[in-house]
Amino acid sequence: MSEPAIKAAALALLTHDDPKLTYKAGQFLGGLMFSDTPLTEKQERWFADLLRKHGLPPLADGGDAHG
């Protein structure tokens, strides 16, 4: 998944009308906005779960967060 797509999706979650994010999720998403480090598989799964939980589309080919 591309860095611009990750940042755009993180921003979409952070600015969602009713995000109901935990503090930990907010820290994670904020970190994604400034990090150039690729996501680990665990981070990709969590990010995909956050997107799905908040009704946002998946990021990458095949319907998951791997790309």
PDB file of N, CA and C in Angstrom:
ATOM      1  N   MET A   1       0.863  -1.160   0.000  1.00  0.00           N
ATOM      2  CA  MET A   1       0.000   0.000   0.000  1.00  0.00           C
ATOM      3  C   MET A   1       0.902   1.213   0.000  1.00  0.00           C
ATOM      4  N   SER A   2       0.508   2.226  -0.721  1.00  0.00           N
ATOM      5  CA  SER A   2       1.362   3.397  -0.878  1.00  0.00           C
ATOM      6  C   SER A   2       1.292   4.327   0.329  1.00  0.00           C
ATOM      7  N   GLU A   3       2.383   5.029   0.551  1.00  0.00           N
ATOM      8  CA  GLU A   3       2.447   5.966   1.672  1.00  0.00           C
ATOM      9  C   GLU A   3       1.357   7.040   1.581  1.00  0.00           C
ATOM     10  N   PRO A   4       1.124   7.652   0.395  1.00  0.00           N
ATOM     11  CA  PRO A   4       0.040   8.646   0.329  1.00  0.00           C
ATOM     12  C   PRO A   4      -1.333   8.053   0.651  1.00  0.00           C
ATOM     13  N   ALA A   5      -1.573   6.808   0.260  1.00  0.00           N
ATOM     14  CA  ALA A   5      -2.860   6.161   0.561  1.00  0.00           C
ATOM     15  C   ALA A   5      -3.009   5.922   2.054  1.00  0.00           C
ATOM     16  N   ILE A   6      -1.916   5.530   2.707  1.00  0.00           N
ATOM     17  CA  ILE A   6      -1.939   5.308   4.152  1.00  0.00           C
ATOM     18  C   ILE A   6      -2.264   6.610   4.871  1.00  0.00           C
ATOM     19  N   LYS A   7      -1.568   7.673   4.484  1.00  0.00           N
ATOM     20  CA  LYS A   7      -1.766   8.967   5.141  1.00  0.00           C
ATOM     21  C   LYS A   7      -3.174   9.498   4.894  1.00  0.00           C
ATOM     22  N   ALA A   8      -3.683   9.331   3.685  1.00  0.00           N
ATOM     23  CA  ALA A   8      -5.039   9.788   3.378  1.00  0.00           C
ATOM     24  C   ALA A   8      -6.072   9.014   4.190  1.00  0.00           C
ATOM     25  N   ALA A   9      -5.883   7.710   4.311  1.00  0.00           N
ATOM     26  CA  ALA A   9      -6.829   6.896   5.077  1.00  0.00           C
ATOM     27  C   ALA A   9      -6.742   7.215   6.568  1.00  0.00           C
ATOM     28  N   ALA A  10      -5.529   7.438   7.071  1.00  0.00           N
ATOM     29  CA  ALA A  10      -5.363   7.796   8.481  1.00  0.00           C
ATOM     30  C   ALA A  10      -6.055   9.134   8.759  1.00  0.00           C
ATOM     31  N   LEU A  11      -5.879  10.092   7.863  1.00  0.00           N
ATOM     32  CA  LEU A  11      -6.520  11.392   8.030  1.00  0.00           C
ATOM     33  C   LEU A  11      -8.044  11.256   7.965  1.00  0.00           C
ATOM     34  N   ALA A  12      -8.528  10.398   7.076  1.00  0.00           N
ATOM     35  CA  ALA A  12      -9.978  10.172   6.979  1.00  0.00           C
ATOM     36  C   ALA A  12     -10.524   9.625   8.298  1.00  0.00           C
ATOM     37  N   LEU A  13      -9.794   8.725   8.916  1.00  0.00           N
ATOM     38  CA  LEU A  13     -10.240   8.190  10.205  1.00  0.00           C
ATOM     39  C   LEU A  13     -10.182   9.252  11.293  1.00  0.00           C
ATOM     40  N   LEU A  14      -9.110  10.027  11.309  1.00  0.00           N
ATOM     41  CA  LEU A  14      -8.953  11.051  12.340  1.00  0.00           C
ATOM     42  C   LEU A  14     -10.012  12.145  12.233  1.00  0.00           C
ATOM     43  N   THR A  15     -10.503  12.403  11.032  1.00  0.00           N
ATOM     44  CA  THR A  15     -11.474  13.478  10.827  1.00  0.00           C
ATOM     45  C   THR A  15     -12.886  12.951  10.564  1.00  0.00           C
ATOM     46  N   HIS A  16     -13.086  11.665  10.749  1.00  0.00           N
ATOM     47  CA  HIS A  16     -14.389  11.030  10.545  1.00  0.00           C
ATOM     48  C   HIS A  16     -15.428  11.701  11.442  1.00  0.00           C
ATOM     49  N   ASP A  17     -16.670  11.817  10.967  1.00  0.00           N
ATOM     50  CA  ASP A  17     -17.734  12.478  11.718  1.00  0.00           C
ATOM     51  C   ASP A  17     -17.933  11.898  13.116  1.00  0.00           C
ATOM     52  N   ASP A  18     -17.840  10.602  13.242  1.00  0.00           N
ATOM     53  CA  ASP A  18     -18.063   9.952  14.528  1.00  0.00           C
ATOM     54  C   ASP A  18     -17.040   8.830  14.704  1.00  0.00           C
ATOM     55  N   PRO A  19     -15.758   9.183  14.887  1.00  0.00           N
ATOM     56  CA  PRO A  19     -14.730   8.151  14.870  1.00  0.00           C
ATOM     57  C   PRO A  19     -14.708   7.220  16.068  1.00  0.00           C
ATOM     58  N   LYS A  20     -15.089   7.709  17.270  1.00  0.00           N
ATOM     59  CA  LYS A  20     -15.036   6.877  18.473  1.00  0.00           C
ATOM     60  C   LYS A  20     -13.715   6.115  18.563  1.00  0.00           C
ATOM     61  N   LEU A  21     -12.622   6.825  18.397  1.00  0.00           N
ATOM     62  CA  LEU A  21     -11.302   6.208  18.462  1.00  0.00           C
ATOM     63  C   LEU A  21     -10.806   6.170  19.897  1.00  0.00           C
ATOM     64  N   THR A  22     -10.077   5.136  20.217  1.00  0.00           N
ATOM     65  CA  THR A  22      -9.402   5.091  21.508  1.00  0.00           C
ATOM     66  C   THR A  22      -8.175   6.003  21.435  1.00  0.00           C
ATOM     67  N   TYR A  23      -7.647   6.340  22.583  1.00  0.00           N
ATOM     68  CA  TYR A  23      -6.438   7.150  22.629  1.00  0.00           C
ATOM     69  C   TYR A  23      -5.303   6.442  21.870  1.00  0.00           C
ATOM     70  N   LYS A  24      -5.190   5.141  22.083  1.00  0.00           N
ATOM     71  CA  LYS A  24      -4.140   4.352  21.436  1.00  0.00           C
ATOM     72  C   LYS A  24      -4.298   4.376  19.909  1.00  0.00           C
ATOM     73  N   ALA A  25      -5.537   4.242  19.434  1.00  0.00           N
ATOM     74  CA  ALA A  25      -5.780   4.284  17.994  1.00  0.00           C
ATOM     75  C   ALA A  25      -5.452   5.668  17.437  1.00  0.00           C
ATOM     76  N   GLY A  26      -5.798   6.714  18.181  1.00  0.00           N
ATOM     77  CA  GLY A  26      -5.484   8.074  17.746  1.00  0.00           C
ATOM     78  C   GLY A  26      -3.980   8.299  17.649  1.00  0.00           C
ATOM     79  N   GLN A  27      -3.238   7.776  18.619  1.00  0.00           N
ATOM     80  CA  GLN A  27      -1.779   7.879  18.572  1.00  0.00           C
ATOM     81  C   GLN A  27      -1.226   7.144  17.354  1.00  0.00           C
ATOM     82  N   PHE A  28      -1.739   5.960  17.105  1.00  0.00           N
ATOM     83  CA  PHE A  28      -1.300   5.154  15.972  1.00  0.00           C
ATOM     84  C   PHE A  28      -1.550   5.900  14.661  1.00  0.00           C
ATOM     85  N   LEU A  29      -2.765   6.423  14.502  1.00  0.00           N
ATOM     86  CA  LEU A  29      -3.112   7.123  13.267  1.00  0.00           C
ATOM     87  C   LEU A  29      -2.305   8.407  13.108  1.00  0.00           C
ATOM     88  N   GLY A  30      -2.116   9.134  14.198  1.00  0.00           N
ATOM     89  CA  GLY A  30      -1.290  10.330  14.141  1.00  0.00           C
ATOM     90  C   GLY A  30       0.139  10.001  13.750  1.00  0.00           C
ATOM     91  N   GLY A  31       0.651   8.915  14.283  1.00  0.00           N
ATOM     92  CA  GLY A  31       1.993   8.470  13.926  1.00  0.00           C
ATOM     93  C   GLY A  31       2.116   8.128  12.455  1.00  0.00           C
ATOM     94  N   LEU A  32       1.072   7.556  11.889  1.00  0.00           N
ATOM     95  CA  LEU A  32       1.089   7.222  10.465  1.00  0.00           C
ATOM     96  C   LEU A  32       1.221   8.470   9.595  1.00  0.00           C
ATOM     97  N   MET A  33       0.704   9.580  10.082  1.00  0.00           N
ATOM     98  CA  MET A  33       0.760  10.822   9.318  1.00  0.00           C
ATOM     99  C   MET A  33       2.194  11.329   9.171  1.00  0.00           C
ATOM    100  N   PHE A  34       3.089  10.947  10.088  1.00  0.00           N
ATOM    101  CA  PHE A  34       4.446  11.484  10.086  1.00  0.00           C
ATOM    102  C   PHE A  34       5.531  10.449   9.847  1.00  0.00           C
ATOM    103  N   SER A  35       5.160   9.188   9.790  1.00  0.00           N
ATOM    104  CA  SER A  35       6.152   8.133   9.647  1.00  0.00           C
ATOM    105  C   SER A  35       6.349   7.746   8.187  1.00  0.00           C
ATOM    106  N   ASP A  36       7.590   7.497   7.841  1.00  0.00           N
ATOM    107  CA  ASP A  36       7.911   6.979   6.506  1.00  0.00           C
ATOM    108  C   ASP A  36       8.245   5.492   6.564  1.00  0.00           C
ATOM    109  N   THR A  37       8.146   4.917   7.761  1.00  0.00           N
ATOM    110  CA  THR A  37       8.461   3.517   7.964  1.00  0.00           C
ATOM    111  C   THR A  37       7.302   2.644   7.483  1.00  0.00           C
ATOM    112  N   PRO A  38       7.584   1.604   6.714  1.00  0.00           N
ATOM    113  CA  PRO A  38       6.509   0.704   6.280  1.00  0.00           C
ATOM    114  C   PRO A  38       5.811   0.057   7.478  1.00  0.00           C
ATOM    115  N   LEU A  39       4.537  -0.226   7.302  1.00  0.00           N
ATOM    116  CA  LEU A  39       3.767  -0.885   8.358  1.00  0.00           C
ATOM    117  C   LEU A  39       4.167  -2.348   8.474  1.00  0.00           C
ATOM    118  N   THR A  40       4.149  -2.843   9.693  1.00  0.00           N
ATOM    119  CA  THR A  40       4.337  -4.275   9.898  1.00  0.00           C
ATOM    120  C   THR A  40       3.020  -4.967   9.539  1.00  0.00           C
ATOM    121  N   GLU A  41       3.042  -6.275   9.435  1.00  0.00           N
ATOM    122  CA  GLU A  41       1.807  -7.010   9.144  1.00  0.00           C
ATOM    123  C   GLU A  41       0.765  -6.779  10.236  1.00  0.00           C
ATOM    124  N   LYS A  42       1.200  -6.758  11.481  1.00  0.00           N
ATOM    125  CA  LYS A  42       0.274  -6.527  12.597  1.00  0.00           C
ATOM    126  C   LYS A  42      -0.345  -5.136  12.495  1.00  0.00           C
ATOM    127  N   GLN A  43       0.469  -4.125  12.163  1.00  0.00           N
ATOM    128  CA  GLN A  43      -0.055  -2.775  12.003  1.00  0.00           C
ATOM    129  C   GLN A  43      -1.019  -2.693  10.828  1.00  0.00           C
ATOM    130  N   GLU A  44      -0.710  -3.385   9.732  1.00  0.00           N
ATOM    131  CA  GLU A  44      -1.602  -3.409   8.571  1.00  0.00           C
ATOM    132  C   GLU A  44      -2.959  -4.001   8.938  1.00  0.00           C
ATOM    133  N   ARG A  45      -2.935  -5.091   9.711  1.00  0.00           N
ATOM    134  CA  ARG A  45      -4.199  -5.726  10.122  1.00  0.00           C
ATOM    135  C   ARG A  45      -5.010  -4.786  11.002  1.00  0.00           C
ATOM    136  N   TRP A  46      -4.346  -4.127  11.951  1.00  0.00           N
ATOM    137  CA  TRP A  46      -5.054  -3.214  12.843  1.00  0.00           C
ATOM    138  C   TRP A  46      -5.629  -2.041  12.061  1.00  0.00           C
ATOM    139  N   PHE A  47      -4.840  -1.495  11.136  1.00  0.00           N
ATOM    140  CA  PHE A  47      -5.292  -0.378  10.313  1.00  0.00           C
ATOM    141  C   PHE A  47      -6.510  -0.800   9.484  1.00  0.00           C
ATOM    142  N   ALA A  48      -6.447  -1.967   8.873  1.00  0.00           N
ATOM    143  CA  ALA A  48      -7.579  -2.476   8.090  1.00  0.00           C
ATOM    144  C   ALA A  48      -8.816  -2.656   8.974  1.00  0.00           C
ATOM    145  N   ASP A  49      -8.615  -3.152  10.190  1.00  0.00           N
ATOM    146  CA  ASP A  49      -9.734  -3.323  11.126  1.00  0.00           C
ATOM    147  C   ASP A  49     -10.344  -1.974  11.500  1.00  0.00           C
ATOM    148  N   LEU A  50      -9.501  -0.970  11.737  1.00  0.00           N
ATOM    149  CA  LEU A  50     -10.015   0.364  12.063  1.00  0.00           C
ATOM    150  C   LEU A  50     -10.833   0.936  10.908  1.00  0.00           C
ATOM    151  N   LEU A  51     -10.319   0.791   9.690  1.00  0.00           N
ATOM    152  CA  LEU A  51     -11.053   1.279   8.514  1.00  0.00           C
ATOM    153  C   LEU A  51     -12.410   0.588   8.399  1.00  0.00           C
ATOM    154  N   ARG A  52     -12.407  -0.721   8.521  1.00  0.00           N
ATOM    155  CA  ARG A  52     -13.642  -1.498   8.402  1.00  0.00           C
ATOM    156  C   ARG A  52     -14.625  -1.122   9.511  1.00  0.00           C
ATOM    157  N   LYS A  53     -14.131  -1.026  10.729  1.00  0.00           N
ATOM    158  CA  LYS A  53     -14.976  -0.712  11.884  1.00  0.00           C
ATOM    159  C   LYS A  53     -15.679   0.638  11.737  1.00  0.00           C
ATOM    160  N   HIS A  54     -15.027   1.562  11.058  1.00  0.00           N
ATOM    161  CA  HIS A  54     -15.594   2.901  10.902  1.00  0.00           C
ATOM    162  C   HIS A  54     -16.224   3.126   9.531  1.00  0.00           C
ATOM    163  N   GLY A  55     -16.456   2.044   8.794  1.00  0.00           N
ATOM    164  CA  GLY A  55     -17.191   2.119   7.538  1.00  0.00           C
ATOM    165  C   GLY A  55     -16.428   2.750   6.387  1.00  0.00           C
ATOM    166  N   LEU A  56     -15.103   2.729   6.462  1.00  0.00           N
ATOM    167  CA  LEU A  56     -14.293   3.269   5.376  1.00  0.00           C
ATOM    168  C   LEU A  56     -13.775   2.128   4.511  1.00  0.00           C
ATOM    169  N   PRO A  57     -13.523   2.403   3.238  1.00  0.00           N
ATOM    170  CA  PRO A  57     -13.093   1.326   2.334  1.00  0.00           C
ATOM    171  C   PRO A  57     -11.685   0.831   2.636  1.00  0.00           C
ATOM    172  N   PRO A  58     -11.410  -0.418   2.298  1.00  0.00           N
ATOM    173  CA  PRO A  58     -10.056  -0.944   2.448  1.00  0.00           C
ATOM    174  C   PRO A  58      -9.107  -0.212   1.497  1.00  0.00           C
ATOM    175  N   LEU A  59      -7.823  -0.305   1.769  1.00  0.00           N
ATOM    176  CA  LEU A  59      -6.853   0.458   1.012  1.00  0.00           C
ATOM    177  C   LEU A  59      -6.300  -0.184  -0.239  1.00  0.00           C
ATOM    178  N   ALA A  60      -6.075  -1.490  -0.215  1.00  0.00           N
ATOM    179  CA  ALA A  60      -5.238  -2.056  -1.267  1.00  0.00           C
ATOM    180  C   ALA A  60      -5.917  -3.144  -2.061  1.00  0.00           C
ATOM    181  N   ASP A  61      -5.164  -3.636  -3.021  1.00  0.00           N
ATOM    182  CA  ASP A  61      -5.602  -4.721  -3.888  1.00  0.00           C
ATOM    183  C   ASP A  61      -6.010  -5.920  -3.052  1.00  0.00           C
ATOM    184  N   GLY A  62      -7.026  -6.583  -3.493  1.00  0.00           N
ATOM    185  CA  GLY A  62      -7.455  -7.786  -2.818  1.00  0.00           C
ATOM    186  C   GLY A  62      -8.300  -7.533  -1.599  1.00  0.00           C
ATOM    187  N   GLY A  63      -8.640  -6.267  -1.324  1.00  0.00           N
ATOM    188  CA  GLY A  63      -9.543  -5.964  -0.245  1.00  0.00           C
ATOM    189  C   GLY A  63      -8.934  -5.964   1.149  1.00  0.00           C
ATOM    190  N   ASP A  64      -7.596  -5.989   1.234  1.00  0.00           N
ATOM    191  CA  ASP A  64      -6.998  -5.897   2.560  1.00  0.00           C
ATOM    192  C   ASP A  64      -5.969  -4.776   2.554  1.00  0.00           C
ATOM    193  N   ALA A  65      -5.261  -4.625   3.643  1.00  0.00           N
ATOM    194  CA  ALA A  65      -4.327  -3.511   3.766  1.00  0.00           C
ATOM    195  C   ALA A  65      -2.933  -3.829   3.224  1.00  0.00           C
ATOM    196  N   HIS A  66      -2.718  -5.013   2.672  1.00  0.00           N
ATOM    197  CA  HIS A  66      -1.401  -5.347   2.134  1.00  0.00           C
ATOM    198  C   HIS A  66      -1.292  -4.778   0.744  1.00  0.00           C
ATOM    199  N   GLY A  67      -0.111  -4.237   0.391  1.00  0.00           N
ATOM    200  CA  GLY A  67       0.007  -3.693  -0.941  1.00  0.00           C
ATOM    201  C   GLY A  67       1.371  -3.604  -1.467  1.00  0.00           C
TER     202      GLY A  67
END
